[in-house]
C-alpha atoms as a PDB file:
ATOM      1  CA  MET A   1     107.323 222.634-169.343  1.00  0.00           C
ATOM      2  CA  ALA A   2     110.702 224.148-168.715  1.00  0.00           C
ATOM      3  CA  PRO A   3     111.591 226.997-171.079  1.00  0.00           C
ATOM      4  CA  GLY A   4     113.765 226.074-174.005  1.00  0.00           C
ATOM      5  CA  GLY A   5     113.480 222.348-173.473  1.00  0.00           C
ATOM      6  CA  GLY A   6     111.268 219.403-174.066  1.00  0.00           C
ATOM      7  CA  GLY A   7     111.215 218.055-170.533  1.00  0.00           C
ATOM      8  CA  THR A   8     108.281 217.154-168.363  1.00  0.00           C
ATOM      9  CA  GLY A   9     108.457 220.272-166.220  1.00  0.00           C
ATOM     10  CA  VAL A  10     109.475 218.366-163.095  1.00  0.00           C
ATOM     11  CA  LYS A  11     112.040 220.320-161.105  1.00  0.00           C
ATOM     12  CA  ARG A  12     115.334 218.562-160.605  1.00  0.00           C
ATOM     13  CA  SER A  13     116.620 218.724-157.064  1.00  0.00           C
ATOM     14  CA  LYS A  14     119.742 220.818-156.652  1.00  0.00           C
ATOM     15  CA  PRO A  15     122.678 218.658-155.641  1.00  0.00           C
ATOM     16  CA  ASP A  16     124.378 219.256-152.339  1.00  0.00           C
ATOM     17  CA  ASP A  17     127.112 221.886-152.696  1.00  0.00           C
ATOM     18  CA  ASP A  18     129.778 219.585-151.277  1.00  0.00           C
ATOM     19  CA  GLU A  19     128.717 216.743-153.559  1.00  0.00           C
ATOM     20  CA  ALA A  20     128.640 218.990-156.638  1.00  0.00           C
ATOM     21  CA  THR A  21     132.065 220.360-155.836  1.00  0.00           C
ATOM     22  CA  LYS A  22     133.400 216.858-155.306  1.00  0.00           C
ATOM     23  CA  LYS A  23     132.102 215.698-158.715  1.00  0.00           C
ATOM     24  CA  LEU A  24     133.527 218.783-160.395  1.00  0.00           C
ATOM     25  CA  LEU A  25     136.945 218.199-158.866  1.00  0.00           C
ATOM     26  CA  GLN A  26     136.895 214.529-159.775  1.00  0.00           C
ATOM     27  CA  ASN A  27     136.521 215.513-163.429  1.00  0.00           C
ATOM     28  CA  ASN A  28     139.491 217.881-163.183  1.00  0.00           C
ATOM     29  CA  LYS A  29     142.598 215.979-164.312  1.00  0.00           C
ATOM     30  CA  TYR A  30     144.850 218.410-162.435  1.00  0.00           C
ATOM     31  CA  PHE A  31     143.135 217.900-159.072  1.00  0.00           C
ATOM     32  CA  THR A  32     144.594 215.683-156.351  1.00  0.00           C
ATOM     33  CA  TRP A  33     142.836 214.811-153.100  1.00  0.00           C
ATOM     34  CA  ASP A  34     144.212 216.161-149.837  1.00  0.00           C
ATOM     35  CA  ASP A  35     143.984 212.660-148.411  1.00  0.00           C
ATOM     36  CA  PRO A  36     146.348 210.375-150.357  1.00  0.00           C
ATOM     37  CA  ASP A  37     144.586 207.298-148.994  1.00  0.00           C
ATOM     38  CA  SER A  38     141.232 208.419-150.403  1.00  0.00           C
ATOM     39  CA  GLU A  39     142.203 207.120-153.838  1.00  0.00           C
ATOM     40  CA  ILE A  40     142.223 203.550-152.527  1.00  0.00           C
ATOM     41  CA  ILE A  41     138.586 202.542-152.956  1.00  0.00           C
ATOM     42  CA  VAL A  42     137.194 199.092-153.616  1.00  0.00           C
ATOM     43  CA  GLN A  43     134.829 199.457-156.578  1.00  0.00           C
ATOM     44  CA  ARG A  44     131.447 197.822-156.472  1.00  0.00           C
ATOM     45  CA  GLY A  45     131.642 194.252-157.657  1.00  0.00           C
ATOM     46  CA  GLU A  46     135.400 193.977-157.090  1.00  0.00           C
ATOM     47  CA  LYS A  47     136.893 191.722-154.445  1.00  0.00           C
ATOM     48  CA  GLU A  48     139.087 193.461-151.904  1.00  0.00           C
ATOM     49  CA  LYS A  49     142.353 191.573-151.646  1.00  0.00           C
ATOM     50  CA  ALA A  50     143.294 190.677-148.091  1.00  0.00           C
ATOM     51  CA  PRO A  51     146.916 191.166-146.997  1.00  0.00           C
ATOM     52  CA  PRO A  52     148.818 188.202-145.537  1.00  0.00           C
ATOM     53  CA  TYR A  53     149.644 187.476-141.908  1.00  0.00           C
ATOM     54  CA  PHE A  54     153.214 186.702-140.819  1.00  0.00           C
ATOM     55  CA  ILE A  55     153.990 184.760-137.653  1.00  0.00           C
ATOM     56  CA  PRO A  56     157.495 183.870-136.350  1.00  0.00           C
ATOM     57  CA  ASP A  57     156.437 180.306-135.602  1.00  0.00           C
ATOM     58  CA  LYS A  58     157.574 177.125-137.342  1.00  0.00           C
ATOM     59  CA  ASP A  59     154.859 174.770-136.041  1.00  0.00           C
ATOM     60  CA  LEU A  60     152.695 174.638-139.165  1.00  0.00           C
ATOM     61  CA  THR A  61     150.905 171.453-138.072  1.00  0.00           C
ATOM     62  CA  ARG A  62     149.506 173.058-134.913  1.00  0.00           C
ATOM     63  CA  LEU A  63     148.453 176.222-136.763  1.00  0.00           C
ATOM     64  CA  ARG A  64     146.679 174.275-139.520  1.00  0.00           C
ATOM     65  CA  THR A  65     144.903 172.091-136.973  1.00  0.00           C
ATOM     66  CA  LEU A  66     143.639 175.101-135.015  1.00  0.00           C
ATOM     67  CA  ALA A  67     142.504 176.888-138.175  1.00  0.00           C
ATOM     68  CA  ASN A  68     140.769 173.829-139.627  1.00  0.00           C
ATOM     69  CA  ASN A  69     138.954 173.147-136.354  1.00  0.00           C
ATOM     70  CA  ALA A  70     137.761 176.762-136.362  1.00  0.00           C
ATOM     71  CA  LYS A  71     136.759 176.394-140.042  1.00  0.00           C
ATOM     72  CA  VAL A  72     139.024 179.202-141.227  1.00  0.00           C
ATOM     73  CA  THR A  73     140.028 178.968-144.890  1.00  0.00           C
ATOM     74  CA  ALA A  74     143.662 179.831-145.613  1.00  0.00           C
ATOM     75  CA  THR A  75     146.799 178.724-147.419  1.00  0.00           C
ATOM     76  CA  TYR A  76     150.238 178.709-145.842  1.00  0.00           C
ATOM     77  CA  LYS A  77     153.809 179.223-146.941  1.00  0.00           C
ATOM     78  CA  LEU A  78     156.915 178.392-144.923  1.00  0.00           C
ATOM     79  CA  THR A  79     159.511 181.177-145.037  1.00  0.00           C
ATOM     80  CA  GLY A  80     162.882 181.801-143.462  1.00  0.00           C
ATOM     81  CA  GLN A  81     161.221 183.935-140.780  1.00  0.00           C
ATOM     82  CA  GLY A  82     158.224 181.717-140.005  1.00  0.00           C
ATOM     83  CA  ILE A  83     154.826 181.162-141.633  1.00  0.00           C
ATOM     84  CA  LYS A  84     152.979 183.343-144.131  1.00  0.00           C
ATOM     85  CA  ILE A  85     149.176 183.002-143.980  1.00  0.00           C
ATOM     86  CA  MET A  86     147.051 183.974-146.997  1.00  0.00           C
ATOM     87  CA  CYS A  87     143.257 184.201-146.747  1.00  0.00           C
ATOM     88  CA  PRO A  88     141.040 184.204-149.864  1.00  0.00           C
ATOM     89  CA  THR A  89     138.564 186.847-148.635  1.00  0.00           C
ATOM     90  CA  VAL A  90     138.408 189.761-146.223  1.00  0.00           C
ATOM     91  CA  GLU A  91     135.897 187.823-144.132  1.00  0.00           C
ATOM     92  CA  GLU A  92     138.337 184.933-143.680  1.00  0.00           C
ATOM     93  CA  TYR A  93     141.150 187.433-143.051  1.00  0.00           C
ATOM     94  CA  ASN A  94     139.227 189.083-140.198  1.00  0.00           C
ATOM     95  CA  LYS A  95     138.293 185.695-138.768  1.00  0.00           C
ATOM     96  CA  MET A  96     141.927 184.558-138.845  1.00  0.00           C
ATOM     97  CA  GLY A  97     143.044 187.762-137.104  1.00  0.00           C
ATOM     98  CA  ARG A  98     140.618 187.240-134.231  1.00  0.00           C
ATOM     99  CA  LEU A  99     141.717 183.639-133.810  1.00  0.00           C
ATOM    100  CA  LEU A 100     145.435 184.494-133.845  1.00  0.00           C
ATOM    101  CA  LYS A 101     144.811 186.904-130.968  1.00  0.00           C
ATOM    102  CA  THR A 102     142.765 184.283-129.116  1.00  0.00           C
ATOM    103  CA  TRP A 103     145.524 181.695-129.588  1.00  0.00           C
ATOM    104  CA  LYS A 104     148.123 184.217-128.290  1.00  0.00           C
ATOM    105  CA  TYR A 105     150.211 184.148-131.459  1.00  0.00           C
ATOM    106  CA  HIS A 106     152.738 186.876-132.145  1.00  0.00           C
ATOM    107  CA  PHE A 107     152.096 188.201-135.651  1.00  0.00           C
ATOM    108  CA  TYR A 108     151.942 191.218-137.913  1.00  0.00           C
ATOM    109  CA  THR A 109     149.979 192.128-141.016  1.00  0.00           C
ATOM    110  CA  HIS A 110     149.146 195.172-143.154  1.00  0.00           C
ATOM    111  CA  ASP A 111     146.176 197.503-143.665  1.00  0.00           C
ATOM    112  CA  LEU A 112     143.270 196.449-145.790  1.00  0.00           C
ATOM    113  CA  PRO A 113     143.297 198.835-148.788  1.00  0.00           C
ATOM    114  CA  GLY A 114     139.821 200.144-148.006  1.00  0.00           C
ATOM    115  CA  SER A 115     140.400 200.631-144.268  1.00  0.00           C
ATOM    116  CA  ARG A 116     143.446 202.884-144.219  1.00  0.00           C
ATOM    117  CA  PRO A 117     142.731 205.878-141.967  1.00  0.00           C
ATOM    118  CA  PHE A 118     142.634 209.543-142.923  1.00  0.00           C
ATOM    119  CA  LYS A 119     145.698 211.131-141.313  1.00  0.00           C
ATOM    120  CA  VAL A 120     146.049 214.805-140.386  1.00  0.00           C
ATOM    121  CA  VAL A 121     148.591 216.857-138.453  1.00  0.00           C
ATOM    122  CA  ILE A 122     147.601 219.509-135.912  1.00  0.00           C
ATOM    123  CA  ARG A 123     150.003 222.442-135.531  1.00  0.00           C
ATOM    124  CA  GLY A 124     150.002 225.167-132.892  1.00  0.00           C
ATOM    125  CA  LEU A 125     149.286 223.231-129.689  1.00  0.00           C
ATOM    126  CA  GLY A 126     151.448 223.391-126.601  1.00  0.00           C
ATOM    127  CA  ASP A 127     153.071 220.518-124.742  1.00  0.00           C
ATOM    128  CA  PHE A 128     149.723 218.784-124.213  1.00  0.00           C
ATOM    129  CA  SER A 129     149.145 215.132-123.436  1.00  0.00           C
ATOM    130  CA  VAL A 130     147.635 212.764-125.982  1.00  0.00           C
ATOM    131  CA  GLU A 131     144.643 212.280-123.688  1.00  0.00           C
ATOM    132  CA  SER A 132     143.891 216.021-123.517  1.00  0.00           C
ATOM    133  CA  VAL A 133     144.096 216.400-127.312  1.00  0.00           C
ATOM    134  CA  THR A 134     141.778 213.406-127.752  1.00  0.00           C
ATOM    135  CA  ALA A 135     139.289 214.951-125.323  1.00  0.00           C
ATOM    136  CA  ALA A 136     139.453 218.297-127.154  1.00  0.00           C
ATOM    137  CA  LEU A 137     138.706 216.570-130.465  1.00  0.00           C
ATOM    138  CA  LYS A 138     135.703 214.815-128.959  1.00  0.00           C
ATOM    139  CA  GLN A 139     134.446 218.194-127.728  1.00  0.00           C
ATOM    140  CA  GLU A 140     134.264 219.112-131.424  1.00  0.00           C
ATOM    141  CA  LYS A 141     132.227 215.935-132.087  1.00  0.00           C
ATOM    142  CA  LEU A 142     135.160 214.173-133.728  1.00  0.00           C
ATOM    143  CA  GLU A 143     135.988 210.530-133.033  1.00  0.00           C
ATOM    144  CA  PRO A 144     139.696 209.899-133.718  1.00  0.00           C
ATOM    145  CA  LEU A 145     140.992 206.364-134.000  1.00  0.00           C
ATOM    146  CA  LYS A 146     144.355 207.299-132.529  1.00  0.00           C
ATOM    147  CA  VAL A 147     146.341 210.398-131.535  1.00  0.00           C
ATOM    148  CA  PHE A 148     150.152 210.480-131.596  1.00  0.00           C
ATOM    149  CA  LYS A 149     152.489 213.138-130.265  1.00  0.00           C
ATOM    150  CA  MET A 150     155.116 213.799-132.930  1.00  0.00           C
ATOM    151  CA  THR A 151     158.794 214.617-132.395  1.00  0.00           C
ATOM    152  CA  ARG A 152     160.702 216.791-134.834  1.00  0.00           C
ATOM    153  CA  ARG A 153     164.183 215.621-135.800  1.00  0.00           C
ATOM    154  CA  ASP A 154     165.644 219.049-135.053  1.00  0.00           C
ATOM    155  CA  GLN A 155     163.499 219.721-131.985  1.00  0.00           C
ATOM    156  CA  GLN A 156     166.421 220.577-129.691  1.00  0.00           C
ATOM    157  CA  GLU A 157     168.384 222.668-132.206  1.00  0.00           C
ATOM    158  CA  LYS A 158     165.527 224.935-133.300  1.00  0.00           C
ATOM    159  CA  ASN A 159     163.506 224.970-130.061  1.00  0.00           C
ATOM    160  CA  TYR A 160     160.054 225.083-131.668  1.00  0.00           C
ATOM    161  CA  ARG A 161     157.333 226.877-129.735  1.00  0.00           C
ATOM    162  CA  ASP A 162     154.519 224.504-130.672  1.00  0.00           C
ATOM    163  CA  HIS A 163     154.102 220.729-130.724  1.00  0.00           C
ATOM    164  CA  LEU A 164     152.737 218.546-133.519  1.00  0.00           C
ATOM    165  CA  PHE A 165     150.068 215.875-133.135  1.00  0.00           C
ATOM    166  CA  LEU A 166     149.219 213.192-135.692  1.00  0.00           C
ATOM    167  CA  VAL A 167     145.561 212.151-135.701  1.00  0.00           C
ATOM    168  CA  HIS A 168     144.031 209.101-137.401  1.00  0.00           C
ATOM    169  CA  PHE A 169     140.348 209.352-138.346  1.00  0.00           C
ATOM    170  CA  PRO A 170     138.186 206.562-139.791  1.00  0.00           C
ATOM    171  CA  LYS A 171     138.211 206.695-143.565  1.00  0.00           C
ATOM    172  CA  GLY A 172     135.401 208.939-144.796  1.00  0.00           C
ATOM    173  CA  ALA A 173     134.535 210.238-141.307  1.00  0.00           C
ATOM    174  CA  THR A 174     135.692 213.786-142.048  1.00  0.00           C
ATOM    175  CA  THR A 175     137.593 215.903-144.559  1.00  0.00           C
ATOM    176  CA  LEU A 176     140.401 218.432-144.358  1.00  0.00           C
ATOM    177  CA  LYS A 177     137.975 221.168-145.419  1.00  0.00           C
ATOM    178  CA  ARG A 178     135.675 220.460-142.468  1.00  0.00           C
ATOM    179  CA  LEU A 179     138.585 220.239-140.039  1.00  0.00           C
ATOM    180  CA  LYS A 180     139.900 223.636-141.140  1.00  0.00           C
ATOM    181  CA  GLU A 181     136.594 225.144-140.042  1.00  0.00           C
ATOM    182  CA  ILE A 182     137.683 224.326-136.468  1.00  0.00           C
ATOM    183  CA  LYS A 183     139.937 227.284-135.667  1.00  0.00           C
ATOM    184  CA  ALA A 184     140.886 226.337-132.087  1.00  0.00           C
ATOM    185  CA  LEU A 185     141.207 223.300-129.827  1.00  0.00           C
ATOM    186  CA  ASP A 186     140.987 223.727-126.079  1.00  0.00           C
ATOM    187  CA  GLN A 187     141.061 227.531-126.636  1.00  0.00           C
ATOM    188  CA  VAL A 188     144.344 227.355-128.610  1.00  0.00           C
ATOM    189  CA  ILE A 189     144.532 228.462-132.273  1.00  0.00           C
ATOM    190  CA  VAL A 190     145.520 225.510-134.471  1.00  0.00           C
ATOM    191  CA  GLN A 191     146.295 224.724-138.111  1.00  0.00           C
ATOM    192  CA  TRP A 192     145.309 221.506-139.892  1.00  0.00           C
ATOM    193  CA  GLU A 193     147.217 219.823-142.691  1.00  0.00           C
ATOM    194  CA  THR A 194     147.302 216.432-144.382  1.00  0.00           C
ATOM    195  CA  TYR A 195     149.957 214.064-143.096  1.00  0.00           C
ATOM    196  CA  ARG A 196     152.374 213.390-145.922  1.00  0.00           C
ATOM    197  CA  GLY A 197     154.693 211.022-144.122  1.00  0.00           C
ATOM    198  CA  ALA A 198     158.455 210.963-144.056  1.00  0.00           C
ATOM    199  CA  ASN A 199     160.306 210.174-147.266  1.00  0.00           C
ATOM    200  CA  ARG A 200     161.781 206.975-145.892  1.00  0.00           C
ATOM    201  CA  SER A 201     163.346 204.258-147.931  1.00  0.00           C
ATOM    202  CA  VAL A 202     161.810 201.562-145.741  1.00  0.00           C
ATOM    203  CA  THR A 203     159.051 201.264-143.137  1.00  0.00           C
ATOM    204  CA  GLN A 204     160.163 200.333-139.622  1.00  0.00           C
ATOM    205  CA  CYS A 205     157.749 199.210-136.938  1.00  0.00           C
ATOM    206  CA  GLN A 206     157.981 201.305-133.770  1.00  0.00           C
ATOM    207  CA  ASN A 207     156.690 198.390-131.695  1.00  0.00           C
ATOM    208  CA  CYS A 208     158.969 195.454-132.577  1.00  0.00           C
ATOM    209  CA  LEU A 209     161.585 197.516-134.535  1.00  0.00           C
ATOM    210  CA  ALA A 210     161.440 195.107-137.499  1.00  0.00           C
ATOM    211  CA  PHE A 211     161.495 196.417-141.064  1.00  0.00           C
ATOM    212  CA  GLY A 212     158.795 196.076-143.697  1.00  0.00           C
ATOM    213  CA  HIS A 213     155.596 196.692-141.719  1.00  0.00           C
ATOM    214  CA  GLY A 214     153.939 199.412-139.640  1.00  0.00           C
ATOM    215  CA  THR A 215     153.147 199.756-135.962  1.00  0.00           C
ATOM    216  CA  ARG A 216     149.353 199.738-136.184  1.00  0.00           C
ATOM    217  CA  ASN A 217     149.136 196.114-137.377  1.00  0.00           C
ATOM    218  CA  CYS A 218     151.948 194.666-135.258  1.00  0.00           C
ATOM    219  CA  PHE A 219     151.177 192.207-132.472  1.00  0.00           C
ATOM    220  CA  MET A 220     154.738 191.127-131.810  1.00  0.00           C
ATOM    221  CA  ASP A 221     156.616 191.656-128.540  1.00  0.00           C
ATOM    222  CA  THR A 222     157.422 195.296-127.803  1.00  0.00           C
ATOM    223  CA  ARG A 223     161.158 195.994-128.051  1.00  0.00           C
ATOM    224  CA  CYS A 224     163.129 198.873-126.602  1.00  0.00           C
ATOM    225  CA  THR A 225     164.695 201.256-129.138  1.00  0.00           C
ATOM    226  CA  ASN A 226     167.618 201.850-126.770  1.00  0.00           C
ATOM    227  CA  CYS A 227     168.752 198.280-126.048  1.00  0.00           C
ATOM    228  CA  GLY A 228     166.480 195.939-128.048  1.00  0.00           C
ATOM    229  CA  GLY A 229     165.088 194.301-124.914  1.00  0.00           C
ATOM    230  CA  LYS A 230     161.455 193.275-124.479  1.00  0.00           C
ATOM    231  CA  HIS A 231     160.365 196.309-122.480  1.00  0.00           C
ATOM    232  CA  LYS A 232     159.263 199.895-123.087  1.00  0.00           C
ATOM    233  CA  ASN A 233     161.808 202.635-123.733  1.00  0.00           C
ATOM    234  CA  GLU A 234     161.003 204.565-120.561  1.00  0.00           C
ATOM    235  CA  ASP A 235     161.820 201.494-118.458  1.00  0.00           C
ATOM    236  CA  CYS A 236     165.301 201.036-119.962  1.00  0.00           C
ATOM    237  CA  ILE A 237     168.458 201.544-117.888  1.00  0.00           C
ATOM    238  CA  ALA A 238     170.808 199.527-120.117  1.00  0.00           C
ATOM    239  CA  GLU A 239     173.522 200.797-122.445  1.00  0.00           C
ATOM    240  CA  THR A 240     172.594 201.681-126.002  1.00  0.00           C
ATOM    241  CA  LYS A 241     172.536 198.613-128.246  1.00  0.00           C
ATOM    242  CA  CYS A 242     170.660 198.035-131.514  1.00  0.00           C
ATOM    243  CA  GLY A 243     168.260 195.100-131.357  1.00  0.00           C
ATOM    244  CA  ASN A 244     168.657 194.430-135.101  1.00  0.00           C
ATOM    245  CA  CYS A 245     172.432 194.479-135.659  1.00  0.00           C
ATOM    246  CA  GLN A 246     173.762 194.565-132.050  1.00  0.00           C
ATOM    247  CA  GLY A 247     175.669 197.770-132.844  1.00  0.00           C
ATOM    248  CA  LYS A 248     176.153 200.645-130.404  1.00  0.00           C
ATOM    249  CA  HIS A 249     173.325 202.834-131.660  1.00  0.00           C
ATOM    250  CA  GLN A 250     169.554 203.234-131.323  1.00  0.00           C
ATOM    251  CA  GLY A 251     167.369 200.631-132.994  1.00  0.00           C
ATOM    252  CA  THR A 252     165.811 203.342-135.175  1.00  0.00           C
ATOM    253  CA  ASP A 253     169.123 204.729-136.464  1.00  0.00           C
ATOM    254  CA  ALA A 254     168.866 205.394-140.225  1.00  0.00           C
ATOM    255  CA  LYS A 255     172.482 204.249-140.683  1.00  0.00           C
ATOM    256  CA  CYS A 256     171.907 200.806-139.142  1.00  0.00           C
ATOM    257  CA  PRO A 257     173.600 198.036-141.206  1.00  0.00           C
ATOM    258  CA  ALA A 258     170.553 195.797-140.754  1.00  0.00           C
ATOM    259  CA  ARG A 259     168.379 198.510-142.288  1.00  0.00           C
ATOM    260  CA  ASN A 260     170.665 198.857-145.307  1.00  0.00           C
ATOM    261  CA  LYS A 261     170.784 195.072-145.707  1.00  0.00           C
ATOM    262  CA  PHE A 262     166.975 194.903-145.720  1.00  0.00           C
ATOM    263  CA  ILE A 263     166.849 197.607-148.417  1.00  0.00           C
ATOM    264  CA  GLU A 264     169.322 195.698-150.596  1.00  0.00           C
ATOM    265  CA  ILE A 265     167.399 192.428-150.210  1.00  0.00           C
ATOM    266  CA  ARG A 266     164.150 194.157-151.140  1.00  0.00           C
ATOM    267  CA  LYS A 267     165.736 195.772-154.207  1.00  0.00           C
ATOM    268  CA  LYS A 268     167.000 192.402-155.437  1.00  0.00           C
ATOM    269  CA  ALA A 269     163.621 190.767-154.855  1.00  0.00           C
ATOM    270  CA  SER A 270     161.649 193.492-156.664  1.00  0.00           C
ATOM    271  CA  GLY A 271     164.136 194.271-159.440  1.00  0.00           C
ATOM    272  CA  PRO A 272     164.127 192.718-162.911  1.00  0.00           C
ATOM    273  CA  LYS A 273     165.738 189.314-163.169  1.00  0.00           C
ATOM    274  CA  LYS A 274     168.887 189.104-165.241  1.00  0.00           C
ATOM    275  CA  VAL A 275     168.646 186.763-168.233  1.00  0.00           C
ATOM    276  CA  THR A 276     171.952 185.091-169.041  1.00  0.00           C
ATOM    277  CA  ARG A 277     172.332 183.999-172.654  1.00  0.00           C
ATOM    278  CA  VAL A 278     174.065 180.661-172.984  1.00  0.00           C
ATOM    279  CA  GLN A 279     176.305 180.511-176.031  1.00  0.00           C
ATOM    280  CA  PRO A 280     175.958 177.251-178.006  1.00  0.00           C
ATOM    281  CA  VAL A 281     178.900 174.864-177.803  1.00  0.00           C
ATOM    282  CA  ILE A 282     180.270 173.820-181.192  1.00  0.00           C
ATOM    283  CA  ASN A 283     181.774 170.340-181.464  1.00  0.00           C
ATOM    284  CA  ASN A 284     182.070 167.565-184.026  1.00  0.00           C
ATOM    285  CA  ASP A 285     178.623 166.238-183.170  1.00  0.00           C
ATOM    286  CA  ASN A 286     176.608 169.418-183.770  1.00  0.00           C
ATOM    287  CA  PHE A 287     178.825 171.184-186.333  1.00  0.00           C
ATOM    288  CA  PRO A 288     176.607 172.274-189.256  1.00  0.00           C
ATOM    289  CA  PRO A 289     177.283 170.637-192.626  1.00  0.00           C
ATOM    290  CA  LEU A 290     179.029 172.788-195.216  1.00  0.00           C
ATOM    291  CA  PRO A 291     177.591 173.009-198.734  1.00  0.00           C
ATOM    292  CA  VAL A 292     179.028 170.593-201.298  1.00  0.00           C
ATOM    293  CA  PRO A 293     181.091 172.424-203.969  1.00  0.00           C
ATOM    294  CA  VAL A 294     179.778 172.251-207.531  1.00  0.00           C
ATOM    295  CA  VAL A 295     182.197 170.724-210.079  1.00  0.00           C
ATOM    296  CA  VAL A 296     182.088 172.558-213.415  1.00  0.00           C
ATOM    297  CA  SER A 297     183.920 171.432-216.544  1.00  0.00           C
ATOM    298  CA  ASP A 298     186.297 173.486-218.784  1.00  0.00           C
ATOM    299  CA  ASN A 299     187.671 175.286-215.681  1.00  0.00           C
ATOM    300  CA  LYS A 300     184.884 177.918-215.607  1.00  0.00           C
ATOM    301  CA  SER A 301     183.660 178.999-212.153  1.00  0.00           C
ATOM    302  CA  PRO A 302     179.872 179.012-211.612  1.00  0.00           C
ATOM    303  CA  HIS A 303     180.356 182.439-209.989  1.00  0.00           C
ATOM    304  CA  GLN A 304     182.811 183.796-212.560  1.00  0.00           C
ATOM    305  CA  ARG A 305     183.399 187.508-212.054  1.00  0.00           C
ATOM    306  CA  GLU A 306     182.466 189.827-214.877  1.00  0.00           C
ATOM    307  CA  ASP A 307     185.596 191.954-214.493  1.00  0.00           C
ATOM    308  CA  GLY A 308     187.847 189.193-213.163  1.00  0.00           C
ATOM    309  CA  PRO A 309     190.930 187.535-214.708  1.00  0.00           C
ATOM    310  CA  SER A 310     190.755 185.548-217.896  1.00  0.00           C
ATOM    311  CA  ALA A 311     189.278 182.049-217.778  1.00  0.00           C
ATOM    312  CA  GLY A 312     192.615 180.470-218.644  1.00  0.00           C
ATOM    313  CA  ALA A 313     194.513 181.927-215.691  1.00  0.00           C
ATOM    314  CA  SER A 314     195.556 179.589-212.878  1.00  0.00           C
ATOM    315  CA  ALA A 315     193.470 179.728-209.659  1.00  0.00           C
ATOM    316  CA  SER A 316     196.611 180.257-207.603  1.00  0.00           C
ATOM    317  CA  GLN A 317     197.493 183.311-209.683  1.00  0.00           C
ATOM    318  CA  GLU A 318     194.040 184.987-209.505  1.00  0.00           C
ATOM    319  CA  LEU A 319     193.846 188.190-207.416  1.00  0.00           C
ATOM    320  CA  PHE A 320     190.798 190.252-206.455  1.00  0.00           C
ATOM    321  CA  SER A 321     190.603 193.869-207.497  1.00  0.00           C
ATOM    322  CA  LYS A 322     189.816 196.584-204.946  1.00  0.00           C
ATOM    323  CA  GLU A 323     186.263 196.868-206.265  1.00  0.00           C
ATOM    324  CA  GLU A 324     185.777 193.106-205.914  1.00  0.00           C
ATOM    325  CA  LEU A 325     187.074 193.094-202.339  1.00  0.00           C
ATOM    326  CA  VAL A 326     184.723 195.918-201.353  1.00  0.00           C
ATOM    327  CA  ARG A 327     181.755 194.133-202.942  1.00  0.00           C
ATOM    328  CA  ILE A 328     182.623 190.810-201.255  1.00  0.00           C
ATOM    329  CA  PHE A 329     183.113 192.527-197.888  1.00  0.00           C
ATOM    330  CA  LEU A 330     179.732 194.264-198.053  1.00  0.00           C
ATOM    331  CA  GLU A 331     178.004 191.057-199.121  1.00  0.00           C
ATOM    332  CA  MET A 332     179.664 189.117-196.284  1.00  0.00           C
ATOM    333  CA  SER A 333     178.780 191.796-193.707  1.00  0.00           C
ATOM    334  CA  ASP A 334     175.100 191.645-194.654  1.00  0.00           C
ATOM    335  CA  ALA A 335     175.114 187.860-194.415  1.00  0.00           C
ATOM    336  CA  LEU A 336     176.912 187.793-191.037  1.00  0.00           C
ATOM    337  CA  ASN A 337     174.570 190.406-189.529  1.00  0.00           C
ATOM    338  CA  SER A 338     171.655 188.033-190.005  1.00  0.00           C
ATOM    339  CA  CYS A 339     173.390 185.238-188.034  1.00  0.00           C
ATOM    340  CA  VAL A 340     172.219 184.606-184.453  1.00  0.00           C
ATOM    341  CA  THR A 341     174.430 181.661-183.458  1.00  0.00           C
ATOM    342  CA  ARG A 342     178.055 180.709-183.849  1.00  0.00           C
ATOM    343  CA  ALA A 343     177.048 177.768-185.989  1.00  0.00           C
ATOM    344  CA  GLU A 344     175.343 180.073-188.486  1.00  0.00           C
ATOM    345  CA  VAL A 345     178.425 182.329-188.575  1.00  0.00           C
ATOM    346  CA  ILE A 346     180.723 179.389-189.378  1.00  0.00           C
ATOM    347  CA  LYS A 347     178.314 178.062-191.997  1.00  0.00           C
ATOM    348  CA  THR A 348     178.103 181.498-193.661  1.00  0.00           C
ATOM    349  CA  LEU A 349     181.879 181.850-193.739  1.00  0.00           C
ATOM    350  CA  GLY A 350     182.111 178.403-195.345  1.00  0.00           C
ATOM    351  CA  VAL A 351     179.682 179.455-198.061  1.00  0.00           C
ATOM    352  CA  PHE A 352     181.821 182.473-198.919  1.00  0.00           C
ATOM    353  CA  VAL A 353     185.033 180.418-198.945  1.00  0.00           C
ATOM    354  CA  ILE A 354     183.505 178.004-201.451  1.00  0.00           C
ATOM    355  CA  LYS A 355     181.862 180.768-203.460  1.00  0.00           C
ATOM    356  CA  TYR A 356     184.953 182.918-203.966  1.00  0.00           C
ATOM    357  CA  GLY A 357     187.835 180.592-203.174  1.00  0.00           C
ATOM    358  CA  ARG A 358     187.820 178.612-206.413  1.00  0.00           C
END
């Protein structure tokens, strides 16, 4: 039996160091993962929600017929840009994606929450090709999904010595800690860091140049950033012309009017809706009835003031004292503050006229 305890004496296996560290960090409320996508996990028993497909096609009848014949379950919504396809499960979503490619549809979609890749940036490499960097990663027994050569905005002004490469790994395939153990690629010292992404107000696809979705899930026609034509940038010999607004600038210009218009539309769609209060209309048909005055004999008011004029004075000659006016004003203010409609305000004023006007 273990000392100091009442156990059975069976040794508990020591947890793996990486696993123990991971559990410890998960319990630390101040800890954040290096990979921002790692927080997006589908819990056991929960259904992963599939993103929609968007196609710039208006022939809903043909699409529904093809999908029904292939026994794909989906619902459809006609939009100003085409058709939005919504699948109830990830299985149906994947099936629909394969069929859209088979049917040669142009479309785009978004990442499944649980399939977003782990993105890292490699610093320190020279002007290498994407193919050579991919081969160097495989030499280290890494299997990247995709490698991109990055361009700094101020590349020409500052004349950086190294080049940056963005690498996508399958989710869970590696960690930043393990990557940092690799000190060099292709005999060149490198540094690894998590890709944070640009602080952009809107996502723009680098394939079709449209706003609101990314490049990885776009299967639309490729458009040139220089002229907007359906060809690659390196094949372009035309004058600069934006494919979104037809202005004389690159299609990826941050000051593009079409970009700003998209941002405004998205703000209006996601912002809180304004509720306009309609004031009630008062007319002879819905005017509230005023209370009937009470007739009292011997000229005594039912609300006779304690410090008011004598009972024999004429009503036309009665005047309120300053104290009475203050008291009436405060009483009226309290009553009016509780009113919520114009009709209630008018009714309250009528009550005070009858109460103190006799």
